Amino acid sequence: RRVHASGQVHGCFYPKHIFLQPREAGFAAQLIDLEKTRPMFLGERDRVKDIEPLLRRTDPWSEADRIGFLTAYLGGTENLDHWLQRLSARLKDKAQRT
């Protein structure tokens, strides 16, 4: 969320690019492989394109885990249904191409 809030897109956002360090109040996250990071030009479209590969590669996660991630990312559930629709459409499109 901080990368996107700063107007940047990771460009290659996979689970292996996230390192978590335990802290007293949860975890601190560190992103790596930032060489493909670029300015965000298309707003929500870029954000969906960034988050979709992450969710596609989180097979061990349940649907509740994915919803929990999106809720945390969005800072609440206000736009959750919209985002689930956008991500689901992109996941379906990707699956049809392979």
N, C-alpha and C. Protein backbone atom coordinates (compact mmCIF):
# COMPACT_ATOMS: atom_id res chain seq x y z
N ARG A 1 0.83 -1.19 0.00
CA ARG A 1 0.00 0.00 0.00
C ARG A 1 0.87 1.25 0.00
N ARG A 2 1.98 1.24 0.74
CA ARG A 2 2.85 2.42 0.77
C ARG A 2 3.51 2.68 -0.57
N VAL A 3 3.89 1.62 -1.27
CA VAL A 3 4.50 1.80 -2.59
C VAL A 3 3.48 2.46 -3.52
N HIS A 4 2.26 1.95 -3.52
CA HIS A 4 1.22 2.52 -4.38
C HIS A 4 0.83 3.93 -3.93
N ALA A 5 0.77 4.16 -2.63
CA ALA A 5 0.42 5.49 -2.12
C ALA A 5 1.46 6.53 -2.51
N SER A 6 2.70 6.09 -2.73
CA SER A 6 3.75 7.02 -3.14
C SER A 6 3.78 7.21 -4.66
N GLY A 7 2.79 6.61 -5.36
CA GLY A 7 2.69 6.80 -6.80
C GLY A 7 3.58 5.88 -7.61
N GLN A 8 4.00 4.76 -7.01
CA GLN A 8 4.87 3.81 -7.68
C GLN A 8 4.18 2.45 -7.83
N VAL A 9 4.62 1.68 -8.81
CA VAL A 9 4.15 0.32 -9.02
C VAL A 9 5.37 -0.60 -8.94
N HIS A 10 5.26 -1.71 -8.24
CA HIS A 10 6.38 -2.64 -8.09
C HIS A 10 6.77 -3.25 -9.42
N GLY A 11 5.78 -3.70 -10.18
CA GLY A 11 6.05 -4.23 -11.52
C GLY A 11 6.33 -5.71 -11.58
N CYS A 12 6.61 -6.35 -10.46
CA CYS A 12 6.94 -7.77 -10.44
C CYS A 12 6.67 -8.27 -9.02
N PHE A 13 5.45 -8.14 -8.57
CA PHE A 13 5.10 -8.33 -7.17
C PHE A 13 4.68 -9.76 -6.89
N TYR A 14 5.62 -10.56 -6.39
CA TYR A 14 5.37 -11.95 -6.05
C TYR A 14 5.66 -12.15 -4.57
N PRO A 15 5.11 -13.21 -3.97
CA PRO A 15 5.36 -13.45 -2.55
C PRO A 15 6.85 -13.52 -2.19
N LYS A 16 7.67 -14.02 -3.10
CA LYS A 16 9.10 -14.14 -2.80
C LYS A 16 9.78 -12.78 -2.69
N HIS A 17 9.11 -11.71 -3.06
CA HIS A 17 9.67 -10.36 -2.98
C HIS A 17 9.31 -9.65 -1.68
N ILE A 18 8.66 -10.37 -0.78
CA ILE A 18 8.26 -9.78 0.49
C ILE A 18 8.95 -10.53 1.62
N PHE A 19 9.69 -9.81 2.42
CA PHE A 19 10.32 -10.38 3.60
C PHE A 19 9.64 -9.81 4.84
N LEU A 20 9.27 -10.70 5.76
CA LEU A 20 8.59 -10.29 6.98
C LEU A 20 9.52 -10.49 8.17
N GLN A 21 9.54 -9.49 9.04
CA GLN A 21 10.34 -9.58 10.26
C GLN A 21 9.39 -9.45 11.45
N PRO A 22 9.39 -10.44 12.34
CA PRO A 22 8.50 -10.37 13.50
C PRO A 22 8.80 -9.14 14.36
N ARG A 23 7.73 -8.50 14.79
CA ARG A 23 7.82 -7.36 15.70
C ARG A 23 6.82 -7.60 16.83
N GLU A 24 6.89 -6.80 17.87
CA GLU A 24 5.96 -6.96 18.99
C GLU A 24 4.50 -6.85 18.55
N ALA A 25 4.22 -5.93 17.65
CA ALA A 25 2.83 -5.69 17.22
C ALA A 25 2.57 -6.26 15.84
N GLY A 26 3.11 -7.43 15.52
CA GLY A 26 2.87 -8.03 14.21
C GLY A 26 4.17 -8.25 13.46
N PHE A 27 4.23 -7.75 12.23
CA PHE A 27 5.38 -7.94 11.37
C PHE A 27 5.73 -6.64 10.66
N ALA A 28 7.00 -6.49 10.34
CA ALA A 28 7.47 -5.40 9.47
C ALA A 28 7.77 -6.04 8.13
N ALA A 29 7.29 -5.43 7.06
CA ALA A 29 7.50 -5.98 5.72
C ALA A 29 8.57 -5.18 4.99
N GLN A 30 9.38 -5.90 4.24
CA GLN A 30 10.41 -5.28 3.40
C GLN A 30 10.27 -5.86 2.00
N LEU A 31 10.18 -5.00 0.99
CA LEU A 31 10.10 -5.44 -0.39
C LEU A 31 11.49 -5.45 -1.01
N ILE A 32 11.73 -6.45 -1.88
CA ILE A 32 12.99 -6.50 -2.61
C ILE A 32 12.70 -6.51 -4.10
N ASP A 33 13.76 -6.53 -4.90
CA ASP A 33 13.67 -6.52 -6.36
C ASP A 33 12.85 -5.33 -6.86
N LEU A 34 13.30 -4.17 -6.48
CA LEU A 34 12.60 -2.94 -6.84
C LEU A 34 13.08 -2.35 -8.17
N GLU A 35 13.90 -3.09 -8.92
CA GLU A 35 14.42 -2.53 -10.16
C GLU A 35 13.36 -2.31 -11.23
N LYS A 36 12.23 -3.01 -11.15
CA LYS A 36 11.14 -2.80 -12.12
C LYS A 36 10.13 -1.76 -11.63
N THR A 37 10.38 -1.17 -10.47
CA THR A 37 9.47 -0.16 -9.94
C THR A 37 9.46 1.03 -10.89
N ARG A 38 8.26 1.53 -11.14
CA ARG A 38 8.09 2.67 -12.05
C ARG A 38 6.96 3.55 -11.54
N PRO A 39 6.87 4.76 -12.07
CA PRO A 39 5.75 5.62 -11.67
C PRO A 39 4.41 5.01 -12.10
N MET A 40 3.40 5.23 -11.30
CA MET A 40 2.05 4.76 -11.60
C MET A 40 1.40 5.76 -12.55
N PHE A 41 0.99 5.28 -13.71
CA PHE A 41 0.36 6.15 -14.69
C PHE A 41 -1.14 5.92 -14.79
N LEU A 42 -1.57 4.69 -14.55
CA LEU A 42 -2.96 4.32 -14.80
C LEU A 42 -3.78 4.10 -13.52
N GLY A 43 -3.30 4.57 -12.40
CA GLY A 43 -4.05 4.51 -11.15
C GLY A 43 -4.45 3.11 -10.74
N GLU A 44 -5.76 2.91 -10.59
CA GLU A 44 -6.27 1.63 -10.11
C GLU A 44 -5.88 0.48 -11.02
N ARG A 45 -5.85 0.71 -12.31
CA ARG A 45 -5.47 -0.35 -13.26
C ARG A 45 -4.05 -0.85 -12.97
N ASP A 46 -3.13 0.07 -12.72
CA ASP A 46 -1.76 -0.33 -12.36
C ASP A 46 -1.74 -1.07 -11.04
N ARG A 47 -2.53 -0.63 -10.09
CA ARG A 47 -2.56 -1.28 -8.78
C ARG A 47 -3.09 -2.71 -8.90
N VAL A 48 -4.16 -2.89 -9.67
CA VAL A 48 -4.71 -4.24 -9.89
C VAL A 48 -3.66 -5.12 -10.57
N LYS A 49 -2.99 -4.57 -11.57
CA LYS A 49 -1.97 -5.31 -12.30
C LYS A 49 -0.81 -5.70 -11.39
N ASP A 50 -0.54 -4.91 -10.38
CA ASP A 50 0.53 -5.20 -9.42
C ASP A 50 0.10 -6.27 -8.40
N ILE A 51 -1.12 -6.17 -7.92
CA ILE A 51 -1.59 -7.07 -6.85
C ILE A 51 -1.99 -8.45 -7.38
N GLU A 52 -2.49 -8.52 -8.59
CA GLU A 52 -2.97 -9.79 -9.14
C GLU A 52 -1.92 -10.89 -9.13
N PRO A 53 -0.67 -10.65 -9.58
CA PRO A 53 0.32 -11.74 -9.54
C PRO A 53 0.61 -12.23 -8.12
N LEU A 54 0.57 -11.31 -7.18
CA LEU A 54 0.78 -11.70 -5.78
C LEU A 54 -0.31 -12.67 -5.34
N LEU A 55 -1.55 -12.31 -5.61
CA LEU A 55 -2.66 -13.18 -5.19
C LEU A 55 -2.69 -14.49 -5.98
N ARG A 56 -2.28 -14.44 -7.23
CA ARG A 56 -2.26 -15.66 -8.06
C ARG A 56 -1.25 -16.66 -7.52
N ARG A 57 -0.21 -16.19 -6.88
CA ARG A 57 0.85 -17.07 -6.40
C ARG A 57 0.76 -17.37 -4.90
N THR A 58 -0.36 -17.09 -4.32
CA THR A 58 -0.55 -17.38 -2.89
C THR A 58 -1.50 -18.57 -2.73
N ASP A 59 -1.18 -19.67 -3.39
CA ASP A 59 -2.03 -20.87 -3.36
C ASP A 59 -2.36 -21.35 -1.95
N PRO A 60 -1.42 -21.31 -1.00
CA PRO A 60 -1.78 -21.79 0.34
C PRO A 60 -2.81 -20.90 1.03
N TRP A 61 -2.99 -19.67 0.57
CA TRP A 61 -3.95 -18.77 1.21
C TRP A 61 -5.37 -19.20 0.91
N SER A 62 -6.22 -19.09 1.89
CA SER A 62 -7.64 -19.34 1.69
C SER A 62 -8.28 -18.07 1.13
N GLU A 63 -9.52 -18.17 0.74
CA GLU A 63 -10.24 -16.98 0.28
C GLU A 63 -10.32 -15.95 1.40
N ALA A 64 -10.49 -16.40 2.63
CA ALA A 64 -10.52 -15.48 3.78
C ALA A 64 -9.18 -14.75 3.94
N ASP A 65 -8.07 -15.46 3.68
CA ASP A 65 -6.75 -14.84 3.75
C ASP A 65 -6.61 -13.74 2.70
N ARG A 66 -7.07 -14.03 1.49
CA ARG A 66 -6.99 -13.04 0.41
C ARG A 66 -7.86 -11.83 0.72
N ILE A 67 -9.03 -12.07 1.25
CA ILE A 67 -9.93 -10.97 1.62
C ILE A 67 -9.32 -10.17 2.76
N GLY A 68 -8.69 -10.84 3.71
CA GLY A 68 -8.01 -10.14 4.80
C GLY A 68 -6.89 -9.27 4.29
N PHE A 69 -6.11 -9.79 3.33
CA PHE A 69 -5.03 -9.01 2.73
C PHE A 69 -5.60 -7.77 2.04
N LEU A 70 -6.63 -7.97 1.21
CA LEU A 70 -7.22 -6.83 0.48
C LEU A 70 -7.83 -5.81 1.43
N THR A 71 -8.47 -6.28 2.48
CA THR A 71 -9.06 -5.37 3.47
C THR A 71 -7.97 -4.52 4.12
N ALA A 72 -6.85 -5.15 4.46
CA ALA A 72 -5.73 -4.40 5.04
C ALA A 72 -5.15 -3.44 4.01
N TYR A 73 -5.00 -3.89 2.77
CA TYR A 73 -4.45 -3.06 1.71
C TYR A 73 -5.33 -1.83 1.46
N LEU A 74 -6.64 -2.07 1.42
CA LEU A 74 -7.57 -0.98 1.14
C LEU A 74 -7.86 -0.11 2.36
N GLY A 75 -7.49 -0.59 3.53
CA GLY A 75 -7.77 0.16 4.75
C GLY A 75 -9.22 0.05 5.19
N GLY A 76 -9.89 -1.00 4.79
CA GLY A 76 -11.29 -1.23 5.17
C GLY A 76 -12.00 -2.00 4.08
N THR A 77 -13.31 -2.16 4.24
CA THR A 77 -14.08 -2.97 3.30
C THR A 77 -14.92 -2.15 2.33
N GLU A 78 -14.76 -0.84 2.35
CA GLU A 78 -15.61 0.03 1.53
C GLU A 78 -15.61 -0.34 0.04
N ASN A 79 -14.46 -0.56 -0.55
CA ASN A 79 -14.35 -0.89 -1.97
C ASN A 79 -13.99 -2.34 -2.22
N LEU A 80 -14.14 -3.17 -1.23
CA LEU A 80 -13.70 -4.56 -1.31
C LEU A 80 -14.37 -5.31 -2.46
N ASP A 81 -15.69 -5.22 -2.60
CA ASP A 81 -16.38 -5.94 -3.68
C ASP A 81 -15.89 -5.51 -5.05
N HIS A 82 -15.69 -4.22 -5.23
CA HIS A 82 -15.19 -3.71 -6.50
C HIS A 82 -13.82 -4.30 -6.81
N TRP A 83 -12.92 -4.30 -5.83
CA TRP A 83 -11.58 -4.85 -6.03
C TRP A 83 -11.62 -6.35 -6.28
N LEU A 84 -12.46 -7.06 -5.57
CA LEU A 84 -12.58 -8.51 -5.79
C LEU A 84 -13.04 -8.78 -7.22
N GLN A 85 -13.95 -7.99 -7.73
CA GLN A 85 -14.41 -8.15 -9.12
C GLN A 85 -13.29 -7.87 -10.10
N ARG A 86 -12.56 -6.77 -9.89
CA ARG A 86 -11.46 -6.41 -10.80
C ARG A 86 -10.38 -7.49 -10.80
N LEU A 87 -10.00 -7.96 -9.61
CA LEU A 87 -8.94 -8.97 -9.51
C LEU A 87 -9.40 -10.32 -10.06
N SER A 88 -10.65 -10.67 -9.81
CA SER A 88 -11.20 -11.92 -10.32
C SER A 88 -11.22 -11.91 -11.85
N ALA A 89 -11.61 -10.80 -12.44
CA ALA A 89 -11.63 -10.68 -13.91
C ALA A 89 -10.22 -10.82 -14.47
N ARG A 90 -9.25 -10.20 -13.83
CA ARG A 90 -7.87 -10.29 -14.31
C ARG A 90 -7.32 -11.70 -14.14
N LEU A 91 -7.62 -12.35 -13.01
CA LEU A 91 -7.19 -13.74 -12.79
C LEU A 91 -7.79 -14.66 -13.84
N LYS A 92 -9.06 -14.46 -14.14
CA LYS A 92 -9.74 -15.30 -15.14
C LYS A 92 -9.12 -15.08 -16.52
N ASP A 93 -8.84 -13.82 -16.85
CA ASP A 93 -8.22 -13.50 -18.13
C ASP A 93 -6.85 -14.15 -18.25
N LYS A 94 -6.06 -14.09 -17.20
CA LYS A 94 -4.74 -14.71 -17.19
C LYS A 94 -4.84 -16.23 -17.36
N ALA A 95 -5.80 -16.84 -16.69
CA ALA A 95 -5.97 -18.30 -16.76
C ALA A 95 -6.35 -18.74 -18.17
N GLN A 96 -7.14 -17.94 -18.86
CA GLN A 96 -7.56 -18.27 -20.22
C GLN A 96 -6.42 -18.16 -21.22
N ARG A 97 -5.44 -17.33 -20.94
CA ARG A 97 -4.31 -17.14 -21.85
C ARG A 97 -3.30 -18.27 -21.78
N THR A 98 -3.29 -19.00 -20.67
CA THR A 98 -2.27 -20.06 -20.53
C THR A 98 -2.78 -21.40 -20.96
